[in-house]
Amino acid sequence: MPSRASKNRPRDPNLLARSVVEDLIGEQWNGAPLVPSSPAPEKNAAAVALSKLGASKGGQARAQALSSRKRKMIAKKAAAARWGKKSI
């Protein structure tokens, strides 16, 4: 993700104000739309659908495969990380 400093802003306060307003309204003063720096990549619909199918099954399958002892160990580790304490 680009930092805010990487955006080329004018140093003149009047031009800076103009560029800020153009960003807010989403177009230039002459009515032309602002050109995005890079277009959003198109996603393959088939890949997205396949990903959703796997994601919905993955957590349930993992939960069924774990033993209760292993689940407790994972939960303790998560609680220790969350609260900053070592319980193991």
N, C-alpha and C. Protein backbone atom coordinates (compact mmCIF):
# COMPACT_ATOMS: atom_id res chain seq x y z
N MET A 1 0.84 -1.16 0.00
CA MET A 1 0.00 0.00 0.00
C MET A 1 0.89 1.24 0.00
N PRO A 2 0.66 2.17 -0.91
CA PRO A 2 1.51 3.36 -0.95
C PRO A 2 1.25 4.26 0.25
N SER A 3 2.29 4.90 0.69
CA SER A 3 2.13 5.82 1.82
C SER A 3 1.57 7.13 1.32
N ARG A 4 1.09 7.94 2.21
CA ARG A 4 0.54 9.23 1.83
C ARG A 4 1.62 10.14 1.27
N ALA A 5 2.84 9.99 1.76
CA ALA A 5 3.93 10.83 1.30
C ALA A 5 4.31 10.54 -0.14
N SER A 6 3.96 9.36 -0.64
CA SER A 6 4.35 9.00 -1.99
C SER A 6 3.50 9.70 -3.04
N LYS A 7 2.37 10.27 -2.63
CA LYS A 7 1.51 10.97 -3.57
C LYS A 7 2.13 12.34 -3.86
N ASN A 8 2.26 12.68 -5.12
CA ASN A 8 2.88 13.95 -5.48
C ASN A 8 1.88 15.08 -5.30
N ARG A 9 2.03 15.81 -4.24
CA ARG A 9 1.18 16.96 -3.95
C ARG A 9 1.95 18.24 -4.22
N PRO A 10 1.27 19.27 -4.74
CA PRO A 10 1.97 20.54 -4.94
C PRO A 10 2.30 21.22 -3.61
N ARG A 11 3.37 22.00 -3.62
CA ARG A 11 3.78 22.69 -2.40
C ARG A 11 3.03 24.00 -2.22
N ASP A 12 2.53 24.56 -3.31
CA ASP A 12 1.77 25.82 -3.23
C ASP A 12 0.44 25.55 -2.52
N PRO A 13 0.11 26.33 -1.49
CA PRO A 13 -1.13 26.07 -0.72
C PRO A 13 -2.40 26.13 -1.58
N ASN A 14 -2.45 27.01 -2.54
CA ASN A 14 -3.65 27.12 -3.38
C ASN A 14 -3.80 25.89 -4.27
N LEU A 15 -2.71 25.43 -4.88
CA LEU A 15 -2.77 24.24 -5.71
C LEU A 15 -3.03 23.00 -4.87
N LEU A 16 -2.49 22.99 -3.65
CA LEU A 16 -2.74 21.87 -2.75
C LEU A 16 -4.22 21.79 -2.39
N ALA A 17 -4.82 22.96 -2.08
CA ALA A 17 -6.25 22.99 -1.76
C ALA A 17 -7.09 22.50 -2.94
N ARG A 18 -6.69 22.91 -4.14
CA ARG A 18 -7.42 22.48 -5.34
C ARG A 18 -7.33 20.96 -5.50
N SER A 19 -6.14 20.40 -5.31
CA SER A 19 -5.99 18.95 -5.49
C SER A 19 -6.77 18.18 -4.42
N VAL A 20 -6.83 18.73 -3.21
CA VAL A 20 -7.60 18.07 -2.15
C VAL A 20 -9.08 18.06 -2.50
N VAL A 21 -9.59 19.20 -2.99
CA VAL A 21 -11.00 19.28 -3.37
C VAL A 21 -11.29 18.33 -4.53
N GLU A 22 -10.38 18.26 -5.49
CA GLU A 22 -10.59 17.35 -6.62
C GLU A 22 -10.66 15.90 -6.13
N ASP A 23 -9.81 15.57 -5.17
CA ASP A 23 -9.85 14.21 -4.61
C ASP A 23 -11.18 13.95 -3.91
N LEU A 24 -11.68 14.95 -3.20
CA LEU A 24 -12.93 14.77 -2.46
C LEU A 24 -14.13 14.61 -3.38
N ILE A 25 -14.19 15.43 -4.42
CA ILE A 25 -15.36 15.35 -5.31
C ILE A 25 -15.22 14.27 -6.36
N GLY A 26 -14.00 13.75 -6.53
CA GLY A 26 -13.78 12.65 -7.45
C GLY A 26 -13.65 13.04 -8.90
N GLU A 27 -13.50 14.32 -9.18
CA GLU A 27 -13.30 14.77 -10.55
C GLU A 27 -12.48 16.05 -10.55
N GLN A 28 -11.98 16.40 -11.73
CA GLN A 28 -11.20 17.62 -11.85
C GLN A 28 -12.14 18.82 -11.98
N TRP A 29 -11.58 20.03 -11.89
CA TRP A 29 -12.41 21.23 -11.96
C TRP A 29 -13.14 21.34 -13.29
N ASN A 30 -12.55 20.85 -14.36
CA ASN A 30 -13.19 20.96 -15.67
C ASN A 30 -14.25 19.88 -15.89
N GLY A 31 -14.49 19.03 -14.91
CA GLY A 31 -15.53 18.01 -15.01
C GLY A 31 -15.03 16.65 -15.44
N ALA A 32 -13.75 16.57 -15.83
CA ALA A 32 -13.19 15.28 -16.24
C ALA A 32 -12.99 14.40 -15.02
N PRO A 33 -13.26 13.11 -15.15
CA PRO A 33 -13.07 12.22 -13.99
C PRO A 33 -11.59 12.05 -13.67
N LEU A 34 -11.30 11.83 -12.39
CA LEU A 34 -9.93 11.54 -11.99
C LEU A 34 -9.56 10.15 -12.48
N VAL A 35 -8.40 10.01 -13.02
CA VAL A 35 -7.94 8.72 -13.53
C VAL A 35 -7.30 7.97 -12.37
N PRO A 36 -7.79 6.75 -12.04
CA PRO A 36 -7.15 6.00 -10.96
C PRO A 36 -5.73 5.61 -11.34
N SER A 37 -4.87 5.53 -10.34
CA SER A 37 -3.47 5.21 -10.60
C SER A 37 -3.30 3.83 -11.21
N SER A 38 -4.05 2.87 -10.76
CA SER A 38 -4.02 1.54 -11.35
C SER A 38 -5.41 0.93 -11.24
N PRO A 39 -5.92 0.36 -12.33
CA PRO A 39 -7.25 -0.23 -12.28
C PRO A 39 -7.27 -1.46 -11.38
N ALA A 40 -8.41 -1.69 -10.78
CA ALA A 40 -8.56 -2.86 -9.91
C ALA A 40 -8.48 -4.12 -10.77
N PRO A 41 -7.73 -5.12 -10.33
CA PRO A 41 -7.62 -6.34 -11.13
C PRO A 41 -8.95 -7.10 -11.17
N GLU A 42 -9.25 -7.64 -12.34
CA GLU A 42 -10.47 -8.42 -12.51
C GLU A 42 -10.26 -9.79 -11.88
N LYS A 43 -11.27 -10.30 -11.22
CA LYS A 43 -11.17 -11.61 -10.59
C LYS A 43 -11.88 -12.64 -11.45
N ASN A 44 -11.30 -13.80 -11.48
CA ASN A 44 -11.89 -14.91 -12.21
C ASN A 44 -13.07 -15.44 -11.39
N ALA A 45 -14.26 -15.39 -11.96
CA ALA A 45 -15.47 -15.78 -11.24
C ALA A 45 -15.42 -17.26 -10.81
N ALA A 46 -14.86 -18.10 -11.66
CA ALA A 46 -14.78 -19.52 -11.32
C ALA A 46 -13.85 -19.74 -10.13
N ALA A 47 -12.74 -19.00 -10.08
CA ALA A 47 -11.80 -19.14 -8.98
C ALA A 47 -12.41 -18.63 -7.68
N VAL A 48 -13.17 -17.56 -7.75
CA VAL A 48 -13.82 -17.02 -6.56
C VAL A 48 -14.84 -18.02 -6.01
N ALA A 49 -15.64 -18.62 -6.90
CA ALA A 49 -16.64 -19.60 -6.46
C ALA A 49 -15.96 -20.82 -5.84
N LEU A 50 -14.87 -21.28 -6.44
CA LEU A 50 -14.15 -22.43 -5.91
C LEU A 50 -13.56 -22.11 -4.54
N SER A 51 -13.06 -20.91 -4.38
CA SER A 51 -12.49 -20.51 -3.10
C SER A 51 -13.54 -20.49 -2.01
N LYS A 52 -14.72 -19.99 -2.34
CA LYS A 52 -15.81 -19.94 -1.35
C LYS A 52 -16.23 -21.34 -0.92
N LEU A 53 -16.24 -22.28 -1.84
CA LEU A 53 -16.60 -23.65 -1.49
C LEU A 53 -15.60 -24.25 -0.51
N GLY A 54 -14.33 -24.06 -0.77
CA GLY A 54 -13.30 -24.61 0.10
C GLY A 54 -13.26 -23.94 1.45
N ALA A 55 -13.47 -22.62 1.46
CA ALA A 55 -13.40 -21.88 2.71
C ALA A 55 -14.53 -22.28 3.66
N SER A 56 -15.70 -22.59 3.10
CA SER A 56 -16.82 -22.95 3.97
C SER A 56 -16.64 -24.34 4.58
N LYS A 57 -15.86 -25.19 3.94
CA LYS A 57 -15.68 -26.55 4.44
C LYS A 57 -14.42 -26.71 5.28
N GLY A 58 -13.44 -25.85 5.07
CA GLY A 58 -12.13 -26.02 5.68
C GLY A 58 -12.13 -25.99 7.19
N GLY A 59 -12.79 -25.00 7.79
CA GLY A 59 -12.80 -24.87 9.24
C GLY A 59 -13.51 -26.02 9.92
N GLN A 60 -14.62 -26.44 9.34
CA GLN A 60 -15.38 -27.56 9.92
C GLN A 60 -14.60 -28.86 9.84
N ALA A 61 -13.93 -29.09 8.72
CA ALA A 61 -13.17 -30.31 8.56
C ALA A 61 -11.99 -30.35 9.53
N ARG A 62 -11.36 -29.19 9.74
CA ARG A 62 -10.24 -29.14 10.67
C ARG A 62 -10.72 -29.38 12.10
N ALA A 63 -11.85 -28.79 12.46
CA ALA A 63 -12.38 -28.97 13.81
C ALA A 63 -12.72 -30.43 14.08
N GLN A 64 -13.25 -31.13 13.10
CA GLN A 64 -13.59 -32.53 13.29
C GLN A 64 -12.35 -33.41 13.36
N ALA A 65 -11.29 -32.99 12.68
CA ALA A 65 -10.07 -33.80 12.66
C ALA A 65 -9.25 -33.65 13.93
N LEU A 66 -9.41 -32.55 14.67
CA LEU A 66 -8.62 -32.32 15.87
C LEU A 66 -9.17 -33.10 17.06
N SER A 67 -8.27 -33.57 17.88
CA SER A 67 -8.70 -34.21 19.12
C SER A 67 -8.99 -33.11 20.14
N SER A 68 -9.72 -33.47 21.21
CA SER A 68 -10.06 -32.46 22.22
C SER A 68 -8.80 -31.94 22.90
N ARG A 69 -7.80 -32.79 23.09
CA ARG A 69 -6.54 -32.35 23.71
C ARG A 69 -5.85 -31.31 22.84
N LYS A 70 -5.80 -31.56 21.54
CA LYS A 70 -5.15 -30.64 20.61
C LYS A 70 -5.91 -29.31 20.55
N ARG A 71 -7.25 -29.37 20.53
CA ARG A 71 -8.06 -28.15 20.53
C ARG A 71 -7.79 -27.32 21.76
N LYS A 72 -7.67 -27.98 22.94
CA LYS A 72 -7.39 -27.25 24.18
C LYS A 72 -6.02 -26.59 24.13
N MET A 73 -5.04 -27.28 23.57
CA MET A 73 -3.69 -26.71 23.46
C MET A 73 -3.70 -25.46 22.57
N ILE A 74 -4.43 -25.54 21.45
CA ILE A 74 -4.53 -24.40 20.54
C ILE A 74 -5.24 -23.24 21.23
N ALA A 75 -6.31 -23.53 21.97
CA ALA A 75 -7.06 -22.49 22.67
C ALA A 75 -6.21 -21.82 23.74
N LYS A 76 -5.42 -22.61 24.48
CA LYS A 76 -4.55 -22.03 25.51
C LYS A 76 -3.50 -21.13 24.89
N LYS A 77 -2.94 -21.56 23.78
CA LYS A 77 -1.93 -20.76 23.09
C LYS A 77 -2.53 -19.44 22.59
N ALA A 78 -3.75 -19.51 22.07
CA ALA A 78 -4.43 -18.31 21.59
C ALA A 78 -4.75 -17.35 22.74
N ALA A 79 -5.20 -17.90 23.86
CA ALA A 79 -5.50 -17.06 25.02
C ALA A 79 -4.24 -16.41 25.56
N ALA A 80 -3.14 -17.16 25.59
CA ALA A 80 -1.88 -16.60 26.07
C ALA A 80 -1.41 -15.48 25.16
N ALA A 81 -1.58 -15.65 23.87
CA ALA A 81 -1.18 -14.59 22.92
C ALA A 81 -2.09 -13.37 23.06
N ARG A 82 -3.38 -13.62 23.29
CA ARG A 82 -4.34 -12.54 23.41
C ARG A 82 -4.10 -11.72 24.68
N TRP A 83 -3.84 -12.39 25.77
CA TRP A 83 -3.72 -11.72 27.05
C TRP A 83 -2.28 -11.44 27.46
N GLY A 84 -1.34 -11.92 26.67
CA GLY A 84 0.07 -11.65 26.95
C GLY A 84 0.62 -12.44 28.12
N LYS A 85 -0.01 -13.53 28.46
CA LYS A 85 0.44 -14.36 29.57
C LYS A 85 0.82 -15.73 29.03
N LYS A 86 1.72 -16.38 29.72
CA LYS A 86 2.09 -17.75 29.33
C LYS A 86 1.35 -18.71 30.24
N SER A 87 0.44 -19.49 29.67
CA SER A 87 -0.31 -20.44 30.48
C SER A 87 0.21 -21.85 30.27
N ILE A 88 1.17 -22.01 29.38
CA ILE A 88 1.70 -23.36 29.11
C ILE A 88 3.02 -23.54 29.81
